[in-house]
C-alpha atoms as a PDB file:
ATOM      1  CA  UNK A   1      63.864 -45.317-116.097  1.00  0.00           C
ATOM      2  CA  UNK A   2      60.620 -46.343-117.654  1.00  0.00           C
ATOM      3  CA  UNK A   3      59.929 -44.985-121.133  1.00  0.00           C
ATOM      4  CA  UNK A   4      56.284 -44.213-120.150  1.00  0.00           C
ATOM      5  CA  UNK A   5      56.895 -42.422-116.836  1.00  0.00           C
ATOM      6  CA  UNK A   6      59.231 -40.525-118.708  1.00  0.00           C
ATOM      7  CA  UNK A   7      56.848 -39.676-121.797  1.00  0.00           C
ATOM      8  CA  UNK A   8      53.715 -39.451-119.090  1.00  0.00           C
ATOM      9  CA  UNK A   9      55.923 -36.537-117.393  1.00  0.00           C
ATOM     10  CA  UNK A  10      56.912 -34.728-120.113  1.00  0.00           C
ATOM     11  CA  UNK A  11      53.464 -34.883-121.020  1.00  0.00           C
ATOM     12  CA  UNK A  12      52.379 -33.571-117.766  1.00  0.00           C
ATOM     13  CA  UNK A  13      54.735 -30.583-117.688  1.00  0.00           C
ATOM     14  CA  UNK A  14      53.604 -30.030-121.149  1.00  0.00           C
ATOM     15  CA  UNK A  15      49.902 -29.275-119.900  1.00  0.00           C
ATOM     16  CA  UNK A  16      50.981 -27.843-116.681  1.00  0.00           C
ATOM     17  CA  UNK A  17      52.314 -24.880-118.451  1.00  0.00           C
ATOM     18  CA  UNK A  18      50.139 -24.131-121.647  1.00  0.00           C
ATOM     19  CA  UNK A  19      46.871 -25.434-120.252  1.00  0.00           C
ATOM     20  CA  UNK A  20      46.032 -22.585-118.114  1.00  0.00           C
ATOM     21  CA  UNK A  21      47.430 -19.863-120.746  1.00  0.00           C
ATOM     22  CA  UNK A  22      45.781 -21.228-123.746  1.00  0.00           C
ATOM     23  CA  UNK A  23      42.181 -22.045-122.734  1.00  0.00           C
ATOM     24  CA  UNK A  24      41.909 -18.515-121.263  1.00  0.00           C
ATOM     25  CA  UNK A  25      42.939 -17.313-124.849  1.00  0.00           C
ATOM     26  CA  UNK A  26      40.484 -19.496-126.591  1.00  0.00           C
ATOM     27  CA  UNK A  27      37.977 -18.462-123.527  1.00  0.00           C
ATOM     28  CA  UNK A  28      39.219 -14.456-124.465  1.00  0.00           C
ATOM     29  CA  UNK A  29      39.382 -14.876-128.150  1.00  0.00           C
ATOM     30  CA  UNK A  30      35.514 -15.864-128.428  1.00  0.00           C
ATOM     31  CA  UNK A  31      34.199 -13.352-126.112  1.00  0.00           C
ATOM     32  CA  UNK A  32      35.762 -10.997-128.350  1.00  0.00           C
ATOM     33  CA  UNK A  33      34.525 -12.788-131.579  1.00  0.00           C
ATOM     34  CA  UNK A  34      30.719 -12.699-130.515  1.00  0.00           C
ATOM     35  CA  UNK A  35      31.027  -9.302-129.408  1.00  0.00           C
ATOM     36  CA  UNK A  36      28.777  -6.469-127.196  1.00  0.00           C
ATOM     37  CA  UNK A  37      27.083  -7.544-124.350  1.00  0.00           C
ATOM     38  CA  UNK A  38      29.011  -9.580-121.665  1.00  0.00           C
ATOM     39  CA  UNK A  39      32.174  -9.723-120.849  1.00  0.00           C
ATOM     40  CA  UNK A  40      34.134 -12.486-120.120  1.00  0.00           C
ATOM     41  CA  UNK A  41      34.352 -11.285-116.399  1.00  0.00           C
ATOM     42  CA  UNK A  42      30.932 -10.416-116.114  1.00  0.00           C
ATOM     43  CA  UNK A  43      29.876 -13.814-117.385  1.00  0.00           C
ATOM     44  CA  UNK A  44      31.995 -15.215-114.744  1.00  0.00           C
ATOM     45  CA  UNK A  45      30.369 -13.626-112.075  1.00  0.00           C
ATOM     46  CA  UNK A  46      26.763 -14.029-113.646  1.00  0.00           C
ATOM     47  CA  UNK A  47      27.506 -18.023-114.212  1.00  0.00           C
ATOM     48  CA  UNK A  48      28.373 -17.898-110.418  1.00  0.00           C
ATOM     49  CA  UNK A  49      25.135 -16.985-109.287  1.00  0.00           C
ATOM     50  CA  UNK A  50      22.946 -18.719-110.867  1.00  0.00           C
ATOM     51  CA  UNK A  51      23.993 -21.688-108.282  1.00  0.00           C
ATOM     52  CA  UNK A  52      22.396 -19.198-105.558  1.00  0.00           C
ATOM     53  CA  UNK A  53      23.051 -15.131-104.282  1.00  0.00           C
ATOM     54  CA  UNK A  54      26.217 -14.667-103.201  1.00  0.00           C
ATOM     55  CA  UNK A  55      28.546 -12.191-100.408  1.00  0.00           C
ATOM     56  CA  UNK A  56      30.376  -9.717-102.529  1.00  0.00           C
ATOM     57  CA  UNK A  57      34.028 -11.587-100.891  1.00  0.00           C
ATOM     58  CA  UNK A  58      32.590 -14.652-101.566  1.00  0.00           C
ATOM     59  CA  UNK A  59      32.081 -13.306-105.345  1.00  0.00           C
ATOM     60  CA  UNK A  60      35.362 -11.771-104.934  1.00  0.00           C
ATOM     61  CA  UNK A  61      37.023 -15.356-103.832  1.00  0.00           C
ATOM     62  CA  UNK A  62      35.205 -17.333-106.543  1.00  0.00           C
ATOM     63  CA  UNK A  63      35.989 -15.592-109.530  1.00  0.00           C
ATOM     64  CA  UNK A  64      39.957 -14.416-108.223  1.00  0.00           C
ATOM     65  CA  UNK A  65      39.232 -10.652-108.103  1.00  0.00           C
ATOM     66  CA  UNK A  66      40.091  -8.072-105.734  1.00  0.00           C
ATOM     67  CA  UNK A  67      36.962  -7.244-103.882  1.00  0.00           C
ATOM     68  CA  UNK A  68      37.048  -3.554-104.703  1.00  0.00           C
ATOM     69  CA  UNK A  69      36.872  -4.825-108.091  1.00  0.00           C
ATOM     70  CA  UNK A  70      33.799  -7.539-107.587  1.00  0.00           C
ATOM     71  CA  UNK A  71      32.319  -4.242-106.144  1.00  0.00           C
ATOM     72  CA  UNK A  72      32.288  -1.956-109.041  1.00  0.00           C
ATOM     73  CA  UNK A  73      31.581  -5.129-111.131  1.00  0.00           C
ATOM     74  CA  UNK A  74      28.652  -5.610-109.127  1.00  0.00           C
ATOM     75  CA  UNK A  75      27.379  -1.976-109.411  1.00  0.00           C
ATOM     76  CA  UNK A  76      27.641  -1.832-112.788  1.00  0.00           C
ATOM     77  CA  UNK A  77      25.718  -4.992-113.211  1.00  0.00           C
ATOM     78  CA  UNK A  78      22.928  -3.864-110.842  1.00  0.00           C
ATOM     79  CA  UNK A  79      22.547  -0.469-112.883  1.00  0.00           C
ATOM     80  CA  UNK A  80      22.277  -2.760-116.057  1.00  0.00           C
ATOM     81  CA  UNK A  81      19.252  -5.112-113.946  1.00  0.00           C
ATOM     82  CA  UNK A  82      21.480  -8.145-114.474  1.00  0.00           C
ATOM     83  CA  UNK A  83      21.798  -8.556-110.680  1.00  0.00           C
ATOM     84  CA  UNK A  84      20.272  -6.907-107.617  1.00  0.00           C
ATOM     85  CA  UNK A  85      21.226  -7.119-103.942  1.00  0.00           C
ATOM     86  CA  UNK A  86      19.136  -7.843-100.947  1.00  0.00           C
ATOM     87  CA  UNK A  87      19.687  -8.052 -97.249  1.00  0.00           C
ATOM     88  CA  UNK A  88      19.350 -10.946 -94.965  1.00  0.00           C
ATOM     89  CA  UNK A  89      16.220 -10.588 -93.020  1.00  0.00           C
ATOM     90  CA  UNK A  90      17.991 -12.745 -90.049  1.00  0.00           C
ATOM     91  CA  UNK A  91      20.812 -10.060 -90.231  1.00  0.00           C
ATOM     92  CA  UNK A  92      20.527  -6.803 -91.874  1.00  0.00           C
ATOM     93  CA  UNK A  93      24.199  -6.556 -92.254  1.00  0.00           C
ATOM     94  CA  UNK A  94      24.781  -9.388 -94.542  1.00  0.00           C
ATOM     95  CA  UNK A  95      24.060  -8.429 -98.183  1.00  0.00           C
ATOM     96  CA  UNK A  96      23.757 -10.714-100.680  1.00  0.00           C
ATOM     97  CA  UNK A  97      23.556 -10.732-104.732  1.00  0.00           C
ATOM     98  CA  UNK A  98      21.529 -11.980-106.587  1.00  0.00           C
ATOM     99  CA  UNK A  99      21.105 -13.009-110.439  1.00  0.00           C
ATOM    100  CA  UNK A 100      17.620 -11.339-111.893  1.00  0.00           C
ATOM    101  CA  UNK A 101      15.348 -12.607-114.528  1.00  0.00           C
ATOM    102  CA  UNK A 102      17.517 -10.179-117.006  1.00  0.00           C
ATOM    103  CA  UNK A 103      20.679 -11.497-115.649  1.00  0.00           C
ATOM    104  CA  UNK A 104      19.736 -14.995-116.372  1.00  0.00           C
ATOM    105  CA  UNK A 105      18.666 -14.362-119.459  1.00  0.00           C
ATOM    106  CA  UNK A 106      21.539 -12.354-120.753  1.00  0.00           C
ATOM    107  CA  UNK A 107      24.184 -14.650-119.306  1.00  0.00           C
ATOM    108  CA  UNK A 108      21.870 -17.211-121.691  1.00  0.00           C
ATOM    109  CA  UNK A 109      21.928 -15.570-124.301  1.00  0.00           C
ATOM    110  CA  UNK A 110      25.961 -14.774-123.737  1.00  0.00           C
ATOM    111  CA  UNK A 111      26.541 -18.580-123.755  1.00  0.00           C
ATOM    112  CA  UNK A 112      24.606 -18.914-126.883  1.00  0.00           C
ATOM    113  CA  UNK A 113      26.506 -17.016-128.914  1.00  0.00           C
ATOM    114  CA  UNK A 114      29.945 -18.487-127.399  1.00  0.00           C
ATOM    115  CA  UNK A 115      28.914 -21.619-128.234  1.00  0.00           C
ATOM    116  CA  UNK A 116      27.815 -21.330-131.666  1.00  0.00           C
ATOM    117  CA  UNK A 117      31.143 -19.881-132.064  1.00  0.00           C
ATOM    118  CA  UNK A 118      32.831 -21.812-131.310  1.00  0.00           C
ATOM    119  CA  UNK A 119      31.014 -24.935-132.985  1.00  0.00           C
ATOM    120  CA  UNK A 120      31.714 -22.804-135.973  1.00  0.00           C
ATOM    121  CA  UNK A 121      35.417 -23.483-135.558  1.00  0.00           C
ATOM    122  CA  UNK A 122      35.268 -27.183-134.565  1.00  0.00           C
ATOM    123  CA  UNK A 123      33.390 -27.429-138.070  1.00  0.00           C
ATOM    124  CA  UNK A 124      36.632 -26.548-139.213  1.00  0.00           C
ATOM    125  CA  UNK A 125      38.970 -29.304-137.449  1.00  0.00           C
ATOM    126  CA  UNK A 126      39.481 -32.964-138.935  1.00  0.00           C
ATOM    127  CA  UNK A 127      37.468 -35.462-136.892  1.00  0.00           C
ATOM    128  CA  UNK A 128      40.677 -36.494-135.336  1.00  0.00           C
ATOM    129  CA  UNK A 129      41.288 -33.213-134.393  1.00  0.00           C
ATOM    130  CA  UNK A 130      37.765 -33.071-132.596  1.00  0.00           C
ATOM    131  CA  UNK A 131      38.134 -36.773-130.876  1.00  0.00           C
ATOM    132  CA  UNK A 132      40.993 -35.164-129.425  1.00  0.00           C
ATOM    133  CA  UNK A 133      39.068 -32.118-127.726  1.00  0.00           C
ATOM    134  CA  UNK A 134      36.350 -34.632-126.742  1.00  0.00           C
ATOM    135  CA  UNK A 135      39.346 -36.978-124.418  1.00  0.00           C
ATOM    136  CA  UNK A 136      40.629 -33.781-123.334  1.00  0.00           C
ATOM    137  CA  UNK A 137      37.415 -32.360-122.643  1.00  0.00           C
ATOM    138  CA  UNK A 138      36.681 -35.084-120.404  1.00  0.00           C
ATOM    139  CA  UNK A 139      40.159 -35.380-119.073  1.00  0.00           C
ATOM    140  CA  UNK A 140      39.575 -31.674-118.048  1.00  0.00           C
ATOM    141  CA  UNK A 141      36.882 -32.641-116.258  1.00  0.00           C
ATOM    142  CA  UNK A 142      38.444 -35.499-113.867  1.00  0.00           C
ATOM    143  CA  UNK A 143      41.004 -32.736-113.175  1.00  0.00           C
ATOM    144  CA  UNK A 144      38.145 -29.881-112.361  1.00  0.00           C
ATOM    145  CA  UNK A 145      36.458 -32.769-110.094  1.00  0.00           C
ATOM    146  CA  UNK A 146      39.384 -33.612-108.388  1.00  0.00           C
ATOM    147  CA  UNK A 147      40.533 -29.706-107.722  1.00  0.00           C
ATOM    148  CA  UNK A 148      36.621 -29.855-106.168  1.00  0.00           C
ATOM    149  CA  UNK A 149      36.798 -32.669-103.983  1.00  0.00           C
ATOM    150  CA  UNK A 150      40.739 -30.914-102.696  1.00  0.00           C
ATOM    151  CA  UNK A 151      38.590 -27.277-102.232  1.00  0.00           C
ATOM    152  CA  UNK A 152      35.737 -29.544-100.095  1.00  0.00           C
ATOM    153  CA  UNK A 153      38.080 -31.719 -98.237  1.00  0.00           C
ATOM    154  CA  UNK A 154      40.516 -28.466 -97.137  1.00  0.00           C
ATOM    155  CA  UNK A 155      37.101 -26.161 -96.316  1.00  0.00           C
ATOM    156  CA  UNK A 156      36.326 -29.545 -93.890  1.00  0.00           C
ATOM    157  CA  UNK A 157      39.696 -30.062 -92.208  1.00  0.00           C
ATOM    158  CA  UNK A 158      39.907 -27.289 -88.974  1.00  0.00           C
ATOM    159  CA  UNK A 159      42.929 -24.891 -89.507  1.00  0.00           C
END
């Protein structure tokens, strides 16, 4: 057997079994470190609204949450003034959730604190470790792009 293929297969197996858990844990640890303000789930929902207003069902699907959970989350964020609901003029039954200016500011403030915390931890790593993370970040973007391309292709194919 080709040693390159074996090494590649072992690497792919390692990444497929560890990447998701480690990135999730990193995200949660950083959010806990910066404390207060937004939870990771709230920040994710607000981030998804930066592109455009969305229906609650689309928010739930995009964030991997149950629709009742998303409704409760939107209710809480609406009470805090971070999002607002708006009815569509052409179809009053359609309700979209929109990010408010206050919500955008809260998200940016949260992101800034998380980035600062991460940067502080990266400063403690060796040059080689940071370079490895740069390469891994680029590779991760390639994987994200491939997944997004697959999702777009699936959406275009009639069921």
